Amino acid sequence: MSNASTAITELSELIKRKRPPGISFPDFLASLFEVCANQIGTNPSESEAKKIVLARGILARKELELAEGGSLSAEELANALGRTRQGIDYLRREGLIVAWRTTQGKWRYPAWQLTAQGGLLPGVRECLKALSTHSEWEPIIFFLSPRESLHGKRPLDLLRAGHLEQAIAAAERHGGHGAY
């Protein structure tokens, strides 16, 4: 792990321990970022500007990681789906489930891709195939981002409502870099 990754992980853990009770981790990070940005002022140096961009990226990633119920380990997902850990690894490698790798090299799986009964949300696999991306974060951003072409709804909202065809069509447009 790089020094920057180690520092980010350590800072994240420190912030989690020191945040005031009753405020969510993403909200606390956003407040902390705002205070830091205000301290820098309106004309940051190139070095300060890079730090701002990095901080925004960290905050955005953390928000995605914690969205809609957070994430599960491979073992937790295997239990939820009634599969083995190796079966989960296979689904991930084949691009049939959403996953990202942590700075520690562990795979995490968004909880939002499961139904309340514990199965894989219908349409996730089809959307992932239509997206045809090798990025870990693009599918997460796709599912969680409101789209103008969907009247402000997110593809995840459509899947939950049973509108698979609309969500898959949005994934096809996104995969082809068409209108969002």
C-alpha atoms as a PDB file:
ATOM      1  CA  MET A   1       0.000   0.000   0.000  1.00  0.00           C
ATOM      2  CA  SER A   2       1.348   3.461  -0.847  1.00  0.00           C
ATOM      3  CA  ASN A   3       2.161   6.067   1.783  1.00  0.00           C
ATOM      4  CA  ALA A   4      -0.758   8.175   0.543  1.00  0.00           C
ATOM      5  CA  SER A   5      -3.182   5.251   0.863  1.00  0.00           C
ATOM      6  CA  THR A   6      -1.931   4.498   4.359  1.00  0.00           C
ATOM      7  CA  ALA A   7      -2.256   8.143   5.370  1.00  0.00           C
ATOM      8  CA  ILE A   8      -5.781   8.357   3.943  1.00  0.00           C
ATOM      9  CA  THR A   9      -6.846   5.203   5.764  1.00  0.00           C
ATOM     10  CA  GLU A  10      -5.361   6.410   9.050  1.00  0.00           C
ATOM     11  CA  LEU A  11      -6.988   9.831   8.665  1.00  0.00           C
ATOM     12  CA  SER A  12     -10.334   8.224   7.851  1.00  0.00           C
ATOM     13  CA  GLU A  13     -10.167   6.062  10.988  1.00  0.00           C
ATOM     14  CA  LEU A  14      -9.159   9.041  13.139  1.00  0.00           C
ATOM     15  CA  ILE A  15     -12.035  11.118  11.787  1.00  0.00           C
ATOM     16  CA  LYS A  16     -14.504   8.272  12.457  1.00  0.00           C
ATOM     17  CA  ARG A  17     -13.385   8.119  16.096  1.00  0.00           C
ATOM     18  CA  LYS A  18     -13.436  11.910  16.647  1.00  0.00           C
ATOM     19  CA  ARG A  19     -16.670  12.912  14.928  1.00  0.00           C
ATOM     20  CA  PRO A  20     -19.447  14.292  17.112  1.00  0.00           C
ATOM     21  CA  PRO A  21     -22.300  11.896  17.946  1.00  0.00           C
ATOM     22  CA  GLY A  22     -25.394  12.266  15.808  1.00  0.00           C
ATOM     23  CA  ILE A  23     -23.647  13.375  12.608  1.00  0.00           C
ATOM     24  CA  SER A  24     -23.059  10.915   9.792  1.00  0.00           C
ATOM     25  CA  PHE A  25     -19.538  10.231   8.619  1.00  0.00           C
ATOM     26  CA  PRO A  26     -20.116  11.740   5.114  1.00  0.00           C
ATOM     27  CA  ASP A  27     -21.727  14.852   6.628  1.00  0.00           C
ATOM     28  CA  PHE A  28     -18.849  15.245   9.063  1.00  0.00           C
ATOM     29  CA  LEU A  29     -16.311  14.852   6.241  1.00  0.00           C
ATOM     30  CA  ALA A  30     -18.164  17.444   4.169  1.00  0.00           C
ATOM     31  CA  SER A  31     -18.116  19.885   7.096  1.00  0.00           C
ATOM     32  CA  LEU A  32     -14.436  19.207   7.716  1.00  0.00           C
ATOM     33  CA  PHE A  33     -13.663  19.743   4.037  1.00  0.00           C
ATOM     34  CA  GLU A  34     -15.580  23.029   4.020  1.00  0.00           C
ATOM     35  CA  VAL A  35     -13.624  24.307   7.033  1.00  0.00           C
ATOM     36  CA  CYS A  36     -10.330  23.350   5.379  1.00  0.00           C
ATOM     37  CA  ALA A  37     -11.328  24.965   2.083  1.00  0.00           C
ATOM     38  CA  ASN A  38     -12.303  28.169   3.902  1.00  0.00           C
ATOM     39  CA  GLN A  39      -8.921  28.220   5.624  1.00  0.00           C
ATOM     40  CA  ILE A  40      -7.150  27.987   2.266  1.00  0.00           C
ATOM     41  CA  GLY A  41      -9.159  30.841   0.789  1.00  0.00           C
ATOM     42  CA  THR A  42     -10.190  31.663  -2.744  1.00  0.00           C
ATOM     43  CA  ASN A  43      -6.749  31.602  -4.402  1.00  0.00           C
ATOM     44  CA  PRO A  44      -5.139  28.327  -3.397  1.00  0.00           C
ATOM     45  CA  SER A  45      -1.648  27.500  -4.552  1.00  0.00           C
ATOM     46  CA  GLU A  46      -1.213  24.640  -7.013  1.00  0.00           C
ATOM     47  CA  SER A  47      -0.262  22.340  -4.132  1.00  0.00           C
ATOM     48  CA  GLU A  48      -3.293  23.422  -2.095  1.00  0.00           C
ATOM     49  CA  ALA A  49      -5.572  23.007  -5.128  1.00  0.00           C
ATOM     50  CA  LYS A  50      -4.320  19.437  -5.599  1.00  0.00           C
ATOM     51  CA  LYS A  51      -5.045  18.723  -1.950  1.00  0.00           C
ATOM     52  CA  ILE A  52      -8.567  20.108  -2.366  1.00  0.00           C
ATOM     53  CA  VAL A  53      -9.186  17.882  -5.385  1.00  0.00           C
ATOM     54  CA  LEU A  54      -7.845  14.848  -3.501  1.00  0.00           C
ATOM     55  CA  ALA A  55     -10.025  15.633  -0.473  1.00  0.00           C
ATOM     56  CA  ARG A  56     -13.116  15.974  -2.680  1.00  0.00           C
ATOM     57  CA  GLY A  57     -12.323  12.636  -4.305  1.00  0.00           C
ATOM     58  CA  ILE A  58     -11.932  10.947  -0.931  1.00  0.00           C
ATOM     59  CA  LEU A  59     -15.219  12.422   0.258  1.00  0.00           C
ATOM     60  CA  ALA A  60     -17.042  11.357  -2.930  1.00  0.00           C
ATOM     61  CA  ARG A  61     -15.660   7.822  -2.670  1.00  0.00           C
ATOM     62  CA  LYS A  62     -16.651   7.555   1.004  1.00  0.00           C
ATOM     63  CA  GLU A  63     -20.174   8.747   0.190  1.00  0.00           C
ATOM     64  CA  LEU A  64     -20.471   6.051  -2.483  1.00  0.00           C
ATOM     65  CA  GLU A  65     -19.125   3.403  -0.103  1.00  0.00           C
ATOM     66  CA  LEU A  66     -21.663   4.302   2.594  1.00  0.00           C
ATOM     67  CA  ALA A  67     -24.676   4.918   0.326  1.00  0.00           C
ATOM     68  CA  GLU A  68     -27.855   2.890   0.643  1.00  0.00           C
ATOM     69  CA  GLY A  69     -26.808   0.695   3.541  1.00  0.00           C
ATOM     70  CA  GLY A  70     -23.057   0.544   3.055  1.00  0.00           C
ATOM     71  CA  SER A  71     -21.273  -2.563   1.917  1.00  0.00           C
ATOM     72  CA  LEU A  72     -20.702  -6.229   2.652  1.00  0.00           C
ATOM     73  CA  SER A  73     -17.594  -8.386   2.711  1.00  0.00           C
ATOM     74  CA  ALA A  74     -17.352 -11.327   0.323  1.00  0.00           C
ATOM     75  CA  GLU A  75     -18.285 -13.662   3.181  1.00  0.00           C
ATOM     76  CA  GLU A  76     -21.332 -11.603   4.137  1.00  0.00           C
ATOM     77  CA  LEU A  77     -22.501 -11.458   0.521  1.00  0.00           C
ATOM     78  CA  ALA A  78     -21.925 -15.195   0.116  1.00  0.00           C
ATOM     79  CA  ASN A  79     -24.153 -15.823   3.155  1.00  0.00           C
ATOM     80  CA  ALA A  80     -26.843 -13.460   1.840  1.00  0.00           C
ATOM     81  CA  LEU A  81     -26.887 -15.129  -1.582  1.00  0.00           C
ATOM     82  CA  GLY A  82     -26.450 -18.688  -0.338  1.00  0.00           C
ATOM     83  CA  ARG A  83     -23.151 -19.112  -2.197  1.00  0.00           C
ATOM     84  CA  THR A  84     -19.552 -19.774  -1.361  1.00  0.00           C
ATOM     85  CA  ARG A  85     -16.920 -17.048  -1.180  1.00  0.00           C
ATOM     86  CA  GLN A  86     -15.416 -18.546  -4.330  1.00  0.00           C
ATOM     87  CA  GLY A  87     -18.797 -18.214  -6.005  1.00  0.00           C
ATOM     88  CA  ILE A  88     -18.839 -14.512  -5.111  1.00  0.00           C
ATOM     89  CA  ASP A  89     -15.315 -14.106  -6.516  1.00  0.00           C
ATOM     90  CA  TYR A  90     -16.515 -15.735  -9.743  1.00  0.00           C
ATOM     91  CA  LEU A  91     -19.520 -13.397 -10.025  1.00  0.00           C
ATOM     92  CA  ARG A  92     -17.238 -10.389  -9.440  1.00  0.00           C
ATOM     93  CA  ARG A  93     -14.636 -11.503 -11.998  1.00  0.00           C
ATOM     94  CA  GLU A  94     -17.378 -12.113 -14.560  1.00  0.00           C
ATOM     95  CA  GLY A  95     -18.822  -8.623 -13.961  1.00  0.00           C
ATOM     96  CA  LEU A  96     -22.148  -9.949 -12.679  1.00  0.00           C
ATOM     97  CA  ILE A  97     -22.141  -8.092  -9.347  1.00  0.00           C
ATOM     98  CA  VAL A  98     -20.980  -4.654  -8.243  1.00  0.00           C
ATOM     99  CA  ALA A  99     -17.757  -4.513  -6.217  1.00  0.00           C
ATOM    100  CA  TRP A 100     -14.841  -2.259  -5.363  1.00  0.00           C
ATOM    101  CA  ARG A 101     -11.440  -2.863  -3.840  1.00  0.00           C
ATOM    102  CA  THR A 102     -10.516  -1.065  -0.617  1.00  0.00           C
ATOM    103  CA  THR A 103      -7.159   0.582  -0.025  1.00  0.00           C
ATOM    104  CA  GLN A 104      -6.291  -2.573   1.957  1.00  0.00           C
ATOM    105  CA  GLY A 105      -6.940  -4.716  -1.140  1.00  0.00           C
ATOM    106  CA  LYS A 106     -10.173  -6.292   0.135  1.00  0.00           C
ATOM    107  CA  TRP A 107     -13.271  -6.498  -2.037  1.00  0.00           C
ATOM    108  CA  ARG A 108     -16.481  -4.834  -0.809  1.00  0.00           C
ATOM    109  CA  TYR A 109     -19.966  -5.259  -2.247  1.00  0.00           C
ATOM    110  CA  PRO A 110     -22.689  -2.584  -2.044  1.00  0.00           C
ATOM    111  CA  ALA A 111     -25.623  -3.724   0.076  1.00  0.00           C
ATOM    112  CA  TRP A 112     -28.041  -1.930  -2.261  1.00  0.00           C
ATOM    113  CA  GLN A 113     -27.623  -4.609  -4.940  1.00  0.00           C
ATOM    114  CA  LEU A 114     -29.541  -7.059  -2.747  1.00  0.00           C
ATOM    115  CA  THR A 115     -33.278  -7.360  -2.308  1.00  0.00           C
ATOM    116  CA  ALA A 116     -34.881  -7.230   1.136  1.00  0.00           C
ATOM    117  CA  GLN A 117     -35.097 -11.035   0.953  1.00  0.00           C
ATOM    118  CA  GLY A 118     -31.352 -11.297   0.341  1.00  0.00           C
ATOM    119  CA  GLY A 119     -31.239 -12.150  -3.345  1.00  0.00           C
ATOM    120  CA  LEU A 120     -29.503 -10.175  -6.059  1.00  0.00           C
ATOM    121  CA  LEU A 121     -31.679  -7.275  -7.210  1.00  0.00           C
ATOM    122  CA  PRO A 122     -33.199  -8.202 -10.604  1.00  0.00           C
ATOM    123  CA  GLY A 123     -31.642  -6.202 -13.425  1.00  0.00           C
ATOM    124  CA  VAL A 124     -28.247  -5.576 -11.816  1.00  0.00           C
ATOM    125  CA  ARG A 125     -26.507  -8.198 -13.965  1.00  0.00           C
ATOM    126  CA  GLU A 126     -28.142  -6.975 -17.146  1.00  0.00           C
ATOM    127  CA  CYS A 127     -27.216  -3.371 -16.415  1.00  0.00           C
ATOM    128  CA  LEU A 128     -23.617  -4.364 -15.697  1.00  0.00           C
ATOM    129  CA  LYS A 129     -23.418  -6.230 -19.012  1.00  0.00           C
ATOM    130  CA  ALA A 130     -24.831  -3.196 -20.844  1.00  0.00           C
ATOM    131  CA  LEU A 131     -22.355  -0.854 -19.135  1.00  0.00           C
ATOM    132  CA  SER A 132     -19.444  -3.046 -20.241  1.00  0.00           C
ATOM    133  CA  THR A 133     -16.860  -1.223 -18.159  1.00  0.00           C
ATOM    134  CA  HIS A 134     -13.694  -2.365 -16.430  1.00  0.00           C
ATOM    135  CA  SER A 135     -13.882   0.445 -13.863  1.00  0.00           C
ATOM    136  CA  GLU A 136     -14.867  -0.475 -10.308  1.00  0.00           C
ATOM    137  CA  TRP A 137     -16.493   2.885  -9.626  1.00  0.00           C
ATOM    138  CA  GLU A 138     -18.375   3.594 -12.867  1.00  0.00           C
ATOM    139  CA  PRO A 139     -21.164   1.054 -12.158  1.00  0.00           C
ATOM    140  CA  ILE A 140     -21.593   2.405  -8.638  1.00  0.00           C
ATOM    141  CA  ILE A 141     -21.835   5.957  -9.939  1.00  0.00           C
ATOM    142  CA  PHE A 142     -24.238   4.791 -12.659  1.00  0.00           C
ATOM    143  CA  PHE A 143     -26.651   3.052 -10.266  1.00  0.00           C
ATOM    144  CA  LEU A 144     -26.625   5.848  -7.656  1.00  0.00           C
ATOM    145  CA  SER A 145     -26.770   8.951  -9.880  1.00  0.00           C
ATOM    146  CA  PRO A 146     -30.041  10.643 -10.816  1.00  0.00           C
ATOM    147  CA  ARG A 147     -30.400  10.953 -14.582  1.00  0.00           C
ATOM    148  CA  GLU A 148     -32.143  13.585 -16.599  1.00  0.00           C
ATOM    149  CA  SER A 149     -33.255  10.949 -19.105  1.00  0.00           C
ATOM    150  CA  LEU A 150     -34.960   9.110 -16.224  1.00  0.00           C
ATOM    151  CA  HIS A 151     -36.792  12.223 -15.005  1.00  0.00           C
ATOM    152  CA  GLY A 152     -34.396  12.659 -12.095  1.00  0.00           C
ATOM    153  CA  LYS A 153     -34.550   9.054 -10.957  1.00  0.00           C
ATOM    154  CA  ARG A 154     -31.583   6.789 -10.433  1.00  0.00           C
ATOM    155  CA  PRO A 155     -31.209   3.450 -12.234  1.00  0.00           C
ATOM    156  CA  LEU A 156     -31.270   1.802  -8.784  1.00  0.00           C
ATOM    157  CA  ASP A 157     -34.708   3.355  -8.144  1.00  0.00           C
ATOM    158  CA  LEU A 158     -35.991   1.907 -11.411  1.00  0.00           C
ATOM    159  CA  LEU A 159     -34.703  -1.583 -10.580  1.00  0.00           C
ATOM    160  CA  ARG A 160     -36.318  -1.450  -7.150  1.00  0.00           C
ATOM    161  CA  ALA A 161     -39.612  -0.418  -8.762  1.00  0.00           C
ATOM    162  CA  GLY A 162     -39.375  -3.317 -11.228  1.00  0.00           C
ATOM    163  CA  HIS A 163     -38.690  -1.139 -14.304  1.00  0.00           C
ATOM    164  CA  LEU A 164     -35.827  -3.281 -15.545  1.00  0.00           C
ATOM    165  CA  GLU A 165     -36.150  -2.342 -19.215  1.00  0.00           C
ATOM    166  CA  GLN A 166     -35.759   1.379 -18.477  1.00  0.00           C
ATOM    167  CA  ALA A 167     -32.716   0.806 -16.265  1.00  0.00           C
ATOM    168  CA  ILE A 168     -31.076  -1.475 -18.836  1.00  0.00           C
ATOM    169  CA  ALA A 169     -31.745   1.081 -21.587  1.00  0.00           C
ATOM    170  CA  ALA A 170     -30.079   3.754 -19.441  1.00  0.00           C
ATOM    171  CA  ALA A 171     -27.084   1.439 -18.966  1.00  0.00           C
ATOM    172  CA  GLU A 172     -26.892   0.893 -22.725  1.00  0.00           C
ATOM    173  CA  ARG A 173     -26.932   4.655 -23.306  1.00  0.00           C
ATOM    174  CA  HIS A 174     -24.318   5.150 -20.605  1.00  0.00           C
ATOM    175  CA  GLY A 175     -22.161   2.323 -21.955  1.00  0.00           C
ATOM    176  CA  GLY A 176     -22.345   3.894 -25.404  1.00  0.00           C
ATOM    177  CA  HIS A 177     -21.645   7.328 -23.893  1.00  0.00           C
ATOM    178  CA  GLY A 178     -24.983   8.570 -25.127  1.00  0.00           C
ATOM    179  CA  ALA A 179     -27.385  10.869 -23.334  1.00  0.00           C
ATOM    180  CA  TYR A 180     -27.734  10.341 -19.624  1.00  0.00           C
END
